[in-house]
Amino acid sequence: MTLSLDIERNLTAPATARRAVDGLSAVVAEDVLRDVRLLVSELVTNSVKYGGEGALHLQIDADGPRKLRAEVIDQGVGFVPVARDRASTEVGGWGLHLVQTLSDRWGVYEGSTHVWFEIDR
């Protein structure tokens, strides 16, 4: 099953993304879906805060109850991904650390703000 959605860049974008993820509940296991909701919410929040103008795009390809790939794409100028060290005491900025911790693989396409993660449990 594929979920593909353009989301308006505003303060409600993370909630819109979470509701869209809920639409996968018939094909994705609840424990996986819980992690996907959190990770998509974090990535969409980053897109709203740091991305360029225009809508952002969410795509999720679910291949069974425990395997999926999610991508969040915006029109930003790109970035170098850095996941926080667990010893950090700074407030905020934990989204990529969560992606690194809860997914099996993740990354960005160099020079863009196209972030993806995969889960296969």
PDB file of N, CA and C in Angstrom:
ATOM      1  N   MET A   1       0.847  -1.173   0.000  1.00  0.00           N
ATOM      2  CA  MET A   1       0.000   0.000   0.000  1.00  0.00           C
ATOM      3  C   MET A   1       0.890   1.233   0.000  1.00  0.00           C
ATOM      4  N   THR A   2       0.512   2.234  -0.769  1.00  0.00           N
ATOM      5  CA  THR A   2       1.259   3.483  -0.835  1.00  0.00           C
ATOM      6  C   THR A   2       0.378   4.631  -0.382  1.00  0.00           C
ATOM      7  N   LEU A   3       0.941   5.452   0.484  1.00  0.00           N
ATOM      8  CA  LEU A   3       0.318   6.698   0.922  1.00  0.00           C
ATOM      9  C   LEU A   3       1.155   7.828   0.341  1.00  0.00           C
ATOM     10  N   SER A   4       0.538   8.717  -0.407  1.00  0.00           N
ATOM     11  CA  SER A   4       1.239   9.837  -1.013  1.00  0.00           C
ATOM     12  C   SER A   4       0.394  11.082  -0.804  1.00  0.00           C
ATOM     13  N   LEU A   5       0.992  12.097  -0.156  1.00  0.00           N
ATOM     14  CA  LEU A   5       0.195  13.244   0.277  1.00  0.00           C
ATOM     15  C   LEU A   5       1.032  14.518   0.276  1.00  0.00           C
ATOM     16  N   ASP A   6       0.506  15.573  -0.334  1.00  0.00           N
ATOM     17  CA  ASP A   6       1.096  16.901  -0.197  1.00  0.00           C
ATOM     18  C   ASP A   6       0.455  17.553   1.015  1.00  0.00           C
ATOM     19  N   ILE A   7       1.283  18.165   1.865  1.00  0.00           N
ATOM     20  CA  ILE A   7       0.805  18.759   3.108  1.00  0.00           C
ATOM     21  C   ILE A   7       1.196  20.229   3.129  1.00  0.00           C
ATOM     22  N   GLU A   8       0.222  21.079   3.392  1.00  0.00           N
ATOM     23  CA  GLU A   8       0.489  22.508   3.487  1.00  0.00           C
ATOM     24  C   GLU A   8       1.453  22.764   4.648  1.00  0.00           C
ATOM     25  N   ARG A   9       2.420  23.612   4.407  1.00  0.00           N
ATOM     26  CA  ARG A   9       3.426  23.934   5.422  1.00  0.00           C
ATOM     27  C   ARG A   9       2.841  24.951   6.402  1.00  0.00           C
ATOM     28  N   ASN A  10       2.417  24.447   7.552  1.00  0.00           N
ATOM     29  CA  ASN A  10       1.902  25.303   8.623  1.00  0.00           C
ATOM     30  C   ASN A  10       1.992  24.537   9.936  1.00  0.00           C
ATOM     31  N   LEU A  11       1.513  25.142  10.998  1.00  0.00           N
ATOM     32  CA  LEU A  11       1.653  24.534  12.320  1.00  0.00           C
ATOM     33  C   LEU A  11       0.828  23.258  12.490  1.00  0.00           C
ATOM     34  N   THR A  12      -0.171  23.035  11.630  1.00  0.00           N
ATOM     35  CA  THR A  12      -0.974  21.817  11.738  1.00  0.00           C
ATOM     36  C   THR A  12      -0.418  20.666  10.894  1.00  0.00           C
ATOM     37  N   ALA A  13       0.672  20.900  10.155  1.00  0.00           N
ATOM     38  CA  ALA A  13       1.229  19.877   9.265  1.00  0.00           C
ATOM     39  C   ALA A  13       1.590  18.576   9.993  1.00  0.00           C
ATOM     40  N   PRO A  14       2.241  18.621  11.173  1.00  0.00           N
ATOM     41  CA  PRO A  14       2.540  17.350  11.846  1.00  0.00           C
ATOM     42  C   PRO A  14       1.288  16.544  12.194  1.00  0.00           C
ATOM     43  N   ALA A  15       0.241  17.221  12.650  1.00  0.00           N
ATOM     44  CA  ALA A  15      -1.013  16.527  12.972  1.00  0.00           C
ATOM     45  C   ALA A  15      -1.644  15.948  11.707  1.00  0.00           C
ATOM     46  N   THR A  16      -1.583  16.682  10.606  1.00  0.00           N
ATOM     47  CA  THR A  16      -2.105  16.180   9.331  1.00  0.00           C
ATOM     48  C   THR A  16      -1.352  14.918   8.924  1.00  0.00           C
ATOM     49  N   ALA A  17      -0.035  14.929   9.090  1.00  0.00           N
ATOM     50  CA  ALA A  17       0.777  13.760   8.739  1.00  0.00           C
ATOM     51  C   ALA A  17       0.432  12.565   9.625  1.00  0.00           C
ATOM     52  N   ARG A  18       0.255  12.805  10.920  1.00  0.00           N
ATOM     53  CA  ARG A  18      -0.102  11.698  11.830  1.00  0.00           C
ATOM     54  C   ARG A  18      -1.445  11.084  11.444  1.00  0.00           C
ATOM     55  N   ARG A  19      -2.411  11.921  11.117  1.00  0.00           N
ATOM     56  CA  ARG A  19      -3.723  11.398  10.700  1.00  0.00           C
ATOM     57  C   ARG A  19      -3.593  10.565   9.423  1.00  0.00           C
ATOM     58  N   ALA A  20      -2.750  11.010   8.508  1.00  0.00           N
ATOM     59  CA  ALA A  20      -2.542  10.257   7.268  1.00  0.00           C
ATOM     60  C   ALA A  20      -1.919   8.897   7.572  1.00  0.00           C
ATOM     61  N   VAL A  21      -0.948   8.865   8.479  1.00  0.00           N
ATOM     62  CA  VAL A  21      -0.308   7.606   8.870  1.00  0.00           C
ATOM     63  C   VAL A  21      -1.340   6.656   9.470  1.00  0.00           C
ATOM     64  N   ASP A  22      -2.282   7.183  10.218  1.00  0.00           N
ATOM     65  CA  ASP A  22      -3.333   6.341  10.805  1.00  0.00           C
ATOM     66  C   ASP A  22      -4.112   5.577   9.737  1.00  0.00           C
ATOM     67  N   GLY A  23      -4.146   6.095   8.520  1.00  0.00           N
ATOM     68  CA  GLY A  23      -4.827   5.421   7.419  1.00  0.00           C
ATOM     69  C   GLY A  23      -4.177   4.107   7.018  1.00  0.00           C
ATOM     70  N   LEU A  24      -2.993   3.831   7.532  1.00  0.00           N
ATOM     71  CA  LEU A  24      -2.301   2.578   7.228  1.00  0.00           C
ATOM     72  C   LEU A  24      -2.585   1.488   8.257  1.00  0.00           C
ATOM     73  N   SER A  25      -3.452   1.776   9.212  1.00  0.00           N
ATOM     74  CA  SER A  25      -3.673   0.845  10.325  1.00  0.00           C
ATOM     75  C   SER A  25      -4.179  -0.525   9.884  1.00  0.00           C
ATOM     76  N   ALA A  26      -4.800  -0.616   8.721  1.00  0.00           N
ATOM     77  CA  ALA A  26      -5.294  -1.915   8.262  1.00  0.00           C
ATOM     78  C   ALA A  26      -4.176  -2.808   7.723  1.00  0.00           C
ATOM     79  N   VAL A  27      -3.005  -2.215   7.403  1.00  0.00           N
ATOM     80  CA  VAL A  27      -1.941  -3.014   6.797  1.00  0.00           C
ATOM     81  C   VAL A  27      -0.619  -2.989   7.575  1.00  0.00           C
ATOM     82  N   VAL A  28      -0.492  -2.118   8.561  1.00  0.00           N
ATOM     83  CA  VAL A  28       0.757  -1.993   9.313  1.00  0.00           C
ATOM     84  C   VAL A  28       0.489  -2.334  10.779  1.00  0.00           C
ATOM     85  N   ALA A  29       1.360  -3.139  11.372  1.00  0.00           N
ATOM     86  CA  ALA A  29       1.228  -3.537  12.779  1.00  0.00           C
ATOM     87  C   ALA A  29       1.248  -2.302  13.682  1.00  0.00           C
ATOM     88  N   GLU A  30       0.468  -2.334  14.754  1.00  0.00           N
ATOM     89  CA  GLU A  30       0.320  -1.163  15.629  1.00  0.00           C
ATOM     90  C   GLU A  30       1.644  -0.718  16.238  1.00  0.00           C
ATOM     91  N   ASP A  31       2.510  -1.642  16.637  1.00  0.00           N
ATOM     92  CA  ASP A  31       3.788  -1.223  17.222  1.00  0.00           C
ATOM     93  C   ASP A  31       4.660  -0.497  16.199  1.00  0.00           C
ATOM     94  N   VAL A  32       4.614  -0.919  14.943  1.00  0.00           N
ATOM     95  CA  VAL A  32       5.350  -0.238  13.882  1.00  0.00           C
ATOM     96  C   VAL A  32       4.689   1.102  13.581  1.00  0.00           C
ATOM     97  N   LEU A  33       3.371   1.110  13.498  1.00  0.00           N
ATOM     98  CA  LEU A  33       2.630   2.330  13.202  1.00  0.00           C
ATOM     99  C   LEU A  33       2.899   3.416  14.248  1.00  0.00           C
ATOM    100  N   ARG A  34       3.017   3.021  15.491  1.00  0.00           N
ATOM    101  CA  ARG A  34       3.310   3.971  16.577  1.00  0.00           C
ATOM    102  C   ARG A  34       4.647   4.670  16.320  1.00  0.00           C
ATOM    103  N   ASP A  35       5.666   3.907  15.940  1.00  0.00           N
ATOM    104  CA  ASP A  35       6.971   4.499  15.644  1.00  0.00           C
ATOM    105  C   ASP A  35       6.915   5.370  14.392  1.00  0.00           C
ATOM    106  N   VAL A  36       6.190   4.906  13.382  1.00  0.00           N
ATOM    107  CA  VAL A  36       6.077   5.680  12.145  1.00  0.00           C
ATOM    108  C   VAL A  36       5.398   7.020  12.409  1.00  0.00           C
ATOM    109  N   ARG A  37       4.342   7.030  13.204  1.00  0.00           N
ATOM    110  CA  ARG A  37       3.670   8.293  13.566  1.00  0.00           C
ATOM    111  C   ARG A  37       4.664   9.280  14.170  1.00  0.00           C
ATOM    112  N   LEU A  38       5.437   8.802  15.133  1.00  0.00           N
ATOM    113  CA  LEU A  38       6.406   9.669  15.806  1.00  0.00           C
ATOM    114  C   LEU A  38       7.465  10.179  14.827  1.00  0.00           C
ATOM    115  N   LEU A  39       8.040   9.287  14.041  1.00  0.00           N
ATOM    116  CA  LEU A  39       9.116   9.687  13.142  1.00  0.00           C
ATOM    117  C   LEU A  39       8.635  10.623  12.048  1.00  0.00           C
ATOM    118  N   VAL A  40       7.488  10.335  11.470  1.00  0.00           N
ATOM    119  CA  VAL A  40       6.934  11.221  10.445  1.00  0.00           C
ATOM    120  C   VAL A  40       6.622  12.583  11.052  1.00  0.00           C
ATOM    121  N   SER A  41       6.070  12.596  12.238  1.00  0.00           N
ATOM    122  CA  SER A  41       5.772  13.859  12.916  1.00  0.00           C
ATOM    123  C   SER A  41       7.042  14.682  13.120  1.00  0.00           C
ATOM    124  N   GLU A  42       8.120  14.044  13.545  1.00  0.00           N
ATOM    125  CA  GLU A  42       9.394  14.742  13.748  1.00  0.00           C
ATOM    126  C   GLU A  42       9.930  15.304  12.439  1.00  0.00           C
ATOM    127  N   LEU A  43       9.906  14.504  11.377  1.00  0.00           N
ATOM    128  CA  LEU A  43      10.441  14.965  10.096  1.00  0.00           C
ATOM    129  C   LEU A  43       9.590  16.076   9.490  1.00  0.00           C
ATOM    130  N   VAL A  44       8.285  15.969   9.626  1.00  0.00           N
ATOM    131  CA  VAL A  44       7.407  17.027   9.115  1.00  0.00           C
ATOM    132  C   VAL A  44       7.616  18.317   9.919  1.00  0.00           C
ATOM    133  N   THR A  45       7.780  18.199  11.224  1.00  0.00           N
ATOM    134  CA  THR A  45       8.066  19.376  12.047  1.00  0.00           C
ATOM    135  C   THR A  45       9.347  20.051  11.570  1.00  0.00           C
ATOM    136  N   ASN A  46      10.387  19.267  11.290  1.00  0.00           N
ATOM    137  CA  ASN A  46      11.624  19.837  10.761  1.00  0.00           C
ATOM    138  C   ASN A  46      11.392  20.545   9.433  1.00  0.00           C
ATOM    139  N   SER A  47      10.568  19.949   8.573  1.00  0.00           N
ATOM    140  CA  SER A  47      10.279  20.569   7.280  1.00  0.00           C
ATOM    141  C   SER A  47       9.563  21.898   7.446  1.00  0.00           C
ATOM    142  N   VAL A  48       8.635  21.941   8.385  1.00  0.00           N
ATOM    143  CA  VAL A  48       7.906  23.192   8.629  1.00  0.00           C
ATOM    144  C   VAL A  48       8.866  24.262   9.155  1.00  0.00           C
ATOM    145  N   LYS A  49       9.740  23.882  10.073  1.00  0.00           N
ATOM    146  CA  LYS A  49      10.667  24.839  10.682  1.00  0.00           C
ATOM    147  C   LYS A  49      11.759  25.301   9.738  1.00  0.00           C
ATOM    148  N   TYR A  50      12.317  24.376   8.951  1.00  0.00           N
ATOM    149  CA  TYR A  50      13.545  24.682   8.224  1.00  0.00           C
ATOM    150  C   TYR A  50      13.427  24.602   6.702  1.00  0.00           C
ATOM    151  N   GLY A  51      12.343  24.052   6.189  1.00  0.00           N
ATOM    152  CA  GLY A  51      12.212  23.852   4.754  1.00  0.00           C
ATOM    153  C   GLY A  51      11.915  25.145   4.011  1.00  0.00           C
ATOM    154  N   GLY A  52      11.909  25.032   2.704  1.00  0.00           N
ATOM    155  CA  GLY A  52      11.634  26.182   1.857  1.00  0.00           C
ATOM    156  C   GLY A  52      10.148  26.470   1.759  1.00  0.00           C
ATOM    157  N   GLU A  53       9.804  27.240   0.764  1.00  0.00           N
ATOM    158  CA  GLU A  53       8.407  27.617   0.540  1.00  0.00           C
ATOM    159  C   GLU A  53       7.614  26.466  -0.061  1.00  0.00           C
ATOM    160  N   GLY A  54       6.310  26.551   0.046  1.00  0.00           N
ATOM    161  CA  GLY A  54       5.442  25.571  -0.585  1.00  0.00           C
ATOM    162  C   GLY A  54       5.163  24.368   0.285  1.00  0.00           C
ATOM    163  N   ALA A  55       4.348  23.504  -0.269  1.00  0.00           N
ATOM    164  CA  ALA A  55       3.925  22.295   0.444  1.00  0.00           C
ATOM    165  C   ALA A  55       5.100  21.332   0.602  1.00  0.00           C
ATOM    166  N   LEU A  56       4.954  20.420   1.547  1.00  0.00           N
ATOM    167  CA  LEU A  56       5.904  19.329   1.669  1.00  0.00           C
ATOM    168  C   LEU A  56       5.184  18.064   1.230  1.00  0.00           C
ATOM    169  N   HIS A  57       5.953  17.038   0.945  1.00  0.00           N
ATOM    170  CA  HIS A  57       5.372  15.803   0.433  1.00  0.00           C
ATOM    171  C   HIS A  57       5.728  14.650   1.364  1.00  0.00           C
ATOM    172  N   LEU A  58       4.731  13.848   1.695  1.00  0.00           N
ATOM    173  CA  LEU A  58       4.905  12.646   2.495  1.00  0.00           C
ATOM    174  C   LEU A  58       4.554  11.452   1.637  1.00  0.00           C
ATOM    175  N   GLN A  59       5.454  10.477   1.591  1.00  0.00           N
ATOM    176  CA  GLN A  59       5.157   9.232   0.898  1.00  0.00           C
ATOM    177  C   GLN A  59       5.574   8.072   1.782  1.00  0.00           C
ATOM    178  N   ILE A  60       4.675   7.117   1.925  1.00  0.00           N
ATOM    179  CA  ILE A  60       4.957   5.912   2.687  1.00  0.00           C
ATOM    180  C   ILE A  60       4.558   4.714   1.839  1.00  0.00           C
ATOM    181  N   ASP A  61       5.492   3.795   1.681  1.00  0.00           N
ATOM    182  CA  ASP A  61       5.231   2.550   0.979  1.00  0.00           C
ATOM    183  C   ASP A  61       5.295   1.430   2.008  1.00  0.00           C
ATOM    184  N   ALA A  62       4.143   0.820   2.273  1.00  0.00           N
ATOM    185  CA  ALA A  62       4.063  -0.270   3.242  1.00  0.00           C
ATOM    186  C   ALA A  62       4.048  -1.586   2.491  1.00  0.00           C
ATOM    187  N   ASP A  63       4.963  -2.461   2.873  1.00  0.00           N
ATOM    188  CA  ASP A  63       5.082  -3.770   2.247  1.00  0.00           C
ATOM    189  C   ASP A  63       4.868  -4.827   3.331  1.00  0.00           C
ATOM    190  N   GLY A  64       3.633  -4.941   3.782  1.00  0.00           N
ATOM    191  CA  GLY A  64       3.317  -5.872   4.859  1.00  0.00           C
ATOM    192  C   GLY A  64       3.241  -5.162   6.195  1.00  0.00           C
ATOM    193  N   PRO A  65       2.897  -5.893   7.236  1.00  0.00           N
ATOM    194  CA  PRO A  65       2.638  -5.285   8.539  1.00  0.00           C
ATOM    195  C   PRO A  65       3.883  -4.771   9.262  1.00  0.00           C
ATOM    196  N   ARG A  66       5.069  -5.208   8.874  1.00  0.00           N
ATOM    197  CA  ARG A  66       6.267  -4.832   9.629  1.00  0.00           C
ATOM    198  C   ARG A  66       7.376  -4.246   8.763  1.00  0.00           C
ATOM    199  N   LYS A  67       7.072  -3.896   7.532  1.00  0.00           N
ATOM    200  CA  LYS A  67       8.097  -3.348   6.647  1.00  0.00           C
ATOM    201  C   LYS A  67       7.527  -2.155   5.888  1.00  0.00           C
ATOM    202  N   LEU A  68       8.250  -1.025   5.971  1.00  0.00           N
ATOM    203  CA  LEU A  68       7.822   0.139   5.206  1.00  0.00           C
ATOM    204  C   LEU A  68       8.965   1.106   4.992  1.00  0.00           C
ATOM    205  N   ARG A  69       8.749   2.018   4.067  1.00  0.00           N
ATOM    206  CA  ARG A  69       9.686   3.109   3.771  1.00  0.00           C
ATOM    207  C   ARG A  69       8.872   4.388   3.762  1.00  0.00           C
ATOM    208  N   ALA A  70       9.361   5.389   4.482  1.00  0.00           N
ATOM    209  CA  ALA A  70       8.703   6.693   4.536  1.00  0.00           C
ATOM    210  C   ALA A  70       9.668   7.761   4.047  1.00  0.00           C
ATOM    211  N   GLU A  71       9.137   8.761   3.359  1.00  0.00           N
ATOM    212  CA  GLU A  71       9.948   9.862   2.857  1.00  0.00           C
ATOM    213  C   GLU A  71       9.210  11.168   3.100  1.00  0.00           C
ATOM    214  N   VAL A  72       9.953  12.184   3.519  1.00  0.00           N
ATOM    215  CA  VAL A  72       9.419  13.528   3.665  1.00  0.00           C
ATOM    216  C   VAL A  72      10.300  14.436   2.813  1.00  0.00           C
ATOM    217  N   ILE A  73       9.666  15.167   1.910  1.00  0.00           N
ATOM    218  CA  ILE A  73      10.382  15.987   0.933  1.00  0.00           C
ATOM    219  C   ILE A  73       9.842  17.412   1.011  1.00  0.00           C
ATOM    220  N   ASP A  74      10.755  18.378   1.085  1.00  0.00           N
ATOM    221  CA  ASP A  74      10.325  19.772   1.015  1.00  0.00           C
ATOM    222  C   ASP A  74      11.229  20.532   0.067  1.00  0.00           C
ATOM    223  N   GLN A  75      11.026  21.818  -0.049  1.00  0.00           N
ATOM    224  CA  GLN A  75      11.756  22.637  -1.007  1.00  0.00           C
ATOM    225  C   GLN A  75      12.912  23.404  -0.379  1.00  0.00           C
ATOM    226  N   GLY A  76      13.418  22.898   0.735  1.00  0.00           N
ATOM    227  CA  GLY A  76      14.543  23.551   1.401  1.00  0.00           C
ATOM    228  C   GLY A  76      15.823  23.435   0.595  1.00  0.00           C
ATOM    229  N   VAL A  77      16.885  24.022   1.111  1.00  0.00           N
ATOM    230  CA  VAL A  77      18.162  24.064   0.398  1.00  0.00           C
ATOM    231  C   VAL A  77      19.048  22.870   0.717  1.00  0.00           C
ATOM    232  N   GLY A  78      18.612  21.991   1.566  1.00  0.00           N
ATOM    233  CA  GLY A  78      19.401  20.824   1.924  1.00  0.00           C
ATOM    234  C   GLY A  78      20.129  21.034   3.234  1.00  0.00           C
ATOM    235  N   PHE A  79      20.666  19.939   3.756  1.00  0.00           N
ATOM    236  CA  PHE A  79      21.369  20.002   5.024  1.00  0.00           C
ATOM    237  C   PHE A  79      22.247  18.773   5.182  1.00  0.00           C
ATOM    238  N   VAL A  80      23.147  18.846   6.124  1.00  0.00           N
ATOM    239  CA  VAL A  80      23.972  17.704   6.489  1.00  0.00           C
ATOM    240  C   VAL A  80      23.329  17.072   7.711  1.00  0.00           C
ATOM    241  N   PRO A  81      22.878  15.824   7.614  1.00  0.00           N
ATOM    242  CA  PRO A  81      22.175  15.215   8.746  1.00  0.00           C
ATOM    243  C   PRO A  81      23.097  14.940   9.920  1.00  0.00           C
ATOM    244  N   VAL A  82      22.636  15.301  11.092  1.00  0.00           N
ATOM    245  CA  VAL A  82      23.377  15.039  12.318  1.00  0.00           C
ATOM    246  C   VAL A  82      22.389  14.563  13.369  1.00  0.00           C
ATOM    247  N   ALA A  83      22.585  13.349  13.843  1.00  0.00           N
ATOM    248  CA  ALA A  83      21.767  12.839  14.946  1.00  0.00           C
ATOM    249  C   ALA A  83      22.511  13.150  16.238  1.00  0.00           C
ATOM    250  N   ARG A  84      21.797  13.594  17.235  1.00  0.00           N
ATOM    251  CA  ARG A  84      22.407  13.971  18.512  1.00  0.00           C
ATOM    252  C   ARG A  84      23.048  12.806  19.230  1.00  0.00           C
ATOM    253  N   ASP A  85      24.028  13.137  20.015  1.00  0.00           N
ATOM    254  CA  ASP A  85      24.665  12.178  20.909  1.00  0.00           C
ATOM    255  C   ASP A  85      23.765  12.017  22.126  1.00  0.00           C
ATOM    256  N   ARG A  86      23.615  10.826  22.617  1.00  0.00           N
ATOM    257  CA  ARG A  86      22.746  10.573  23.781  1.00  0.00           C
ATOM    258  C   ARG A  86      23.159  11.374  25.002  1.00  0.00           C
ATOM    259  N   ALA A  87      24.408  11.772  25.086  1.00  0.00           N
ATOM    260  CA  ALA A  87      24.893  12.505  26.258  1.00  0.00           C
ATOM    261  C   ALA A  87      24.536  13.996  26.205  1.00  0.00           C
ATOM    262  N   SER A  88      24.016  14.466  25.078  1.00  0.00           N
ATOM    263  CA  SER A  88      23.692  15.880  24.939  1.00  0.00           C
ATOM    264  C   SER A  88      22.592  16.284  25.915  1.00  0.00           C
ATOM    265  N   THR A  89      22.739  17.481  26.471  1.00  0.00           N
ATOM    266  CA  THR A  89      21.723  17.997  27.394  1.00  0.00           C
ATOM    267  C   THR A  89      20.946  19.154  26.779  1.00  0.00           C
ATOM    268  N   GLU A  90      21.178  19.429  25.492  1.00  0.00           N
ATOM    269  CA  GLU A  90      20.478  20.522  24.825  1.00  0.00           C
ATOM    270  C   GLU A  90      19.001  20.184  24.667  1.00  0.00           C
ATOM    271  N   VAL A  91      18.183  21.228  24.692  1.00  0.00           N
ATOM    272  CA  VAL A  91      16.742  21.073  24.496  1.00  0.00           C
ATOM    273  C   VAL A  91      16.444  21.135  23.005  1.00  0.00           C
ATOM    274  N   GLY A  92      15.563  20.256  22.539  1.00  0.00           N
ATOM    275  CA  GLY A  92      15.171  20.263  21.136  1.00  0.00           C
ATOM    276  C   GLY A  92      16.193  19.580  20.242  1.00  0.00           C
ATOM    277  N   GLY A  93      15.815  19.429  18.977  1.00  0.00           N
ATOM    278  CA  GLY A  93      16.729  18.868  18.002  1.00  0.00           C
ATOM    279  C   GLY A  93      16.936  17.364  18.082  1.00  0.00           C
ATOM    280  N   TRP A  94      15.981  16.645  18.641  1.00  0.00           N
ATOM    281  CA  TRP A  94      16.126  15.199  18.807  1.00  0.00           C
ATOM    282  C   TRP A  94      15.462  14.390  17.699  1.00  0.00           C
ATOM    283  N   GLY A  95      14.850  15.041  16.710  1.00  0.00           N
ATOM    284  CA  GLY A  95      14.129  14.320  15.667  1.00  0.00           C
ATOM    285  C   GLY A  95      14.967  13.313  14.914  1.00  0.00           C
ATOM    286  N   LEU A  96      16.145  13.715  14.434  1.00  0.00           N
ATOM    287  CA  LEU A  96      16.983  12.785  13.678  1.00  0.00           C
ATOM    288  C   LEU A  96      17.560  11.694  14.574  1.00  0.00           C
ATOM    289  N   HIS A  97      17.786  12.013  15.834  1.00  0.00           N
ATOM    290  CA  HIS A  97      18.236  10.970  16.773  1.00  0.00           C
ATOM    291  C   HIS A  97      17.152   9.895  16.915  1.00  0.00           C
ATOM    292  N   LEU A  98      15.900  10.326  17.000  1.00  0.00           N
ATOM    293  CA  LEU A  98      14.802   9.365  17.073  1.00  0.00           C
ATOM    294  C   LEU A  98      14.716   8.533  15.801  1.00  0.00           C
ATOM    295  N   VAL A  99      14.883   9.179  14.650  1.00  0.00           N
ATOM    296  CA  VAL A  99      14.850   8.446  13.382  1.00  0.00           C
ATOM    297  C   VAL A  99      15.957   7.400  13.367  1.00  0.00           C
ATOM    298  N   GLN A 100      17.149   7.791  13.775  1.00  0.00           N
ATOM    299  CA  GLN A 100      18.276   6.856  13.812  1.00  0.00           C
ATOM    300  C   GLN A 100      18.012   5.702  14.770  1.00  0.00           C
ATOM    301  N   THR A 101      17.398   5.984  15.902  1.00  0.00           N
ATOM    302  CA  THR A 101      17.179   4.970  16.935  1.00  0.00           C
ATOM    303  C   THR A 101      16.048   4.010  16.582  1.00  0.00           C
ATOM    304  N   LEU A 102      14.950   4.519  16.026  1.00  0.00           N
ATOM    305  CA  LEU A 102      13.756   3.702  15.829  1.00  0.00           C
ATOM    306  C   LEU A 102      13.630   3.062  14.447  1.00  0.00           C
ATOM    307  N   SER A 103      14.444   3.516  13.498  1.00  0.00           N
ATOM    308  CA  SER A 103      14.359   2.919  12.164  1.00  0.00           C
ATOM    309  C   SER A 103      15.531   1.965  11.948  1.00  0.00           C
ATOM    310  N   ASP A 104      15.405   1.144  10.919  1.00  0.00           N
ATOM    311  CA  ASP A 104      16.496   0.228  10.574  1.00  0.00           C
ATOM    312  C   ASP A 104      17.531   0.901   9.678  1.00  0.00           C
ATOM    313  N   ARG A 105      17.078   1.812   8.841  1.00  0.00           N
ATOM    314  CA  ARG A 105      17.947   2.582   7.958  1.00  0.00           C
ATOM    315  C   ARG A 105      17.315   3.948   7.759  1.00  0.00           C
ATOM    316  N   TRP A 106      18.145   4.963   7.518  1.00  0.00           N
ATOM    317  CA  TRP A 106      17.621   6.283   7.218  1.00  0.00           C
ATOM    318  C   TRP A 106      18.702   7.075   6.499  1.00  0.00           C
ATOM    319  N   GLY A 107      18.303   8.172   5.887  1.00  0.00           N
ATOM    320  CA  GLY A 107      19.278   9.022   5.225  1.00  0.00           C
ATOM    321  C   GLY A 107      18.609  10.198   4.548  1.00  0.00           C
ATOM    322  N   VAL A 108      19.427  10.941   3.821  1.00  0.00           N
ATOM    323  CA  VAL A 108      18.949  12.057   3.016  1.00  0.00           C
ATOM    324  C   VAL A 108      19.574  11.930   1.646  1.00  0.00           C
ATOM    325  N   TYR A 109      18.934  12.533   0.671  1.00  0.00           N
ATOM    326  CA  TYR A 109      19.545  12.621  -0.643  1.00  0.00           C
ATOM    327  C   TYR A 109      20.400  13.876  -0.630  1.00  0.00           C
ATOM    328  N   GLU A 110      21.681  13.720  -0.910  1.00  0.00           N
ATOM    329  CA  GLU A 110      22.647  14.806  -0.777  1.00  0.00           C
ATOM    330  C   GLU A 110      22.187  16.064  -1.502  1.00  0.00           C
ATOM    331  N   GLY A 111      22.314  17.192  -0.804  1.00  0.00           N
ATOM    332  CA  GLY A 111      21.968  18.476  -1.374  1.00  0.00           C
ATOM    333  C   GLY A 111      20.484  18.771  -1.415  1.00  0.00           C
ATOM    334  N   SER A 112      19.690  17.991  -0.707  1.00  0.00           N
ATOM    335  CA  SER A 112      18.254  18.225  -0.732  1.00  0.00           C
ATOM    336  C   SER A 112      17.678  18.074   0.669  1.00  0.00           C
ATOM    337  N   THR A 113      16.411  18.338   0.787  1.00  0.00           N
ATOM    338  CA  THR A 113      15.708  18.080   2.039  1.00  0.00           C
ATOM    339  C   THR A 113      14.693  16.976   1.781  1.00  0.00           C
ATOM    340  N   HIS A 114      15.224  15.862   1.408  1.00  0.00           N
ATOM    341  CA  HIS A 114      14.475  14.643   1.115  1.00  0.00           C
ATOM    342  C   HIS A 114      15.006  13.602   2.097  1.00  0.00           C
ATOM    343  N   VAL A 115      14.280  13.421   3.199  1.00  0.00           N
ATOM    344  CA  VAL A 115      14.713  12.526   4.265  1.00  0.00           C
ATOM    345  C   VAL A 115      13.862  11.259   4.208  1.00  0.00           C
ATOM    346  N   TRP A 116      14.496  10.124   4.363  1.00  0.00           N
ATOM    347  CA  TRP A 116      13.773   8.856   4.303  1.00  0.00           C
ATOM    348  C   TRP A 116      14.200   7.971   5.477  1.00  0.00           C
ATOM    349  N   PHE A 117      13.317   7.022   5.793  1.00  0.00           N
ATOM    350  CA  PHE A 117      13.671   5.979   6.758  1.00  0.00           C
ATOM    351  C   PHE A 117      12.942   4.701   6.381  1.00  0.00           C
ATOM    352  N   GLU A 118      13.519   3.581   6.814  1.00  0.00           N
ATOM    353  CA  GLU A 118      12.929   2.280   6.564  1.00  0.00           C
ATOM    354  C   GLU A 118      12.839   1.509   7.870  1.00  0.00           C
ATOM    355  N   ILE A 119      11.768   0.764   7.988  1.00  0.00           N
ATOM    356  CA  ILE A 119      11.559  -0.118   9.136  1.00  0.00           C
ATOM    357  C   ILE A 119      11.234  -1.493   8.593  1.00  0.00           C
ATOM    358  N   ASP A 120      11.961  -2.488   9.051  1.00  0.00           N
ATOM    359  CA  ASP A 120      11.626  -3.875   8.715  1.00  0.00           C
ATOM    360  C   ASP A 120      11.947  -4.735   9.929  1.00  0.00           C
ATOM    361  N   ARG A 121      10.901  -5.071  10.645  1.00  0.00           N
ATOM    362  CA  ARG A 121      11.072  -5.818  11.901  1.00  0.00           C
ATOM    363  C   ARG A 121      10.624  -7.250  11.718  1.00  0.00           C
TER     364      ARG A 121
END
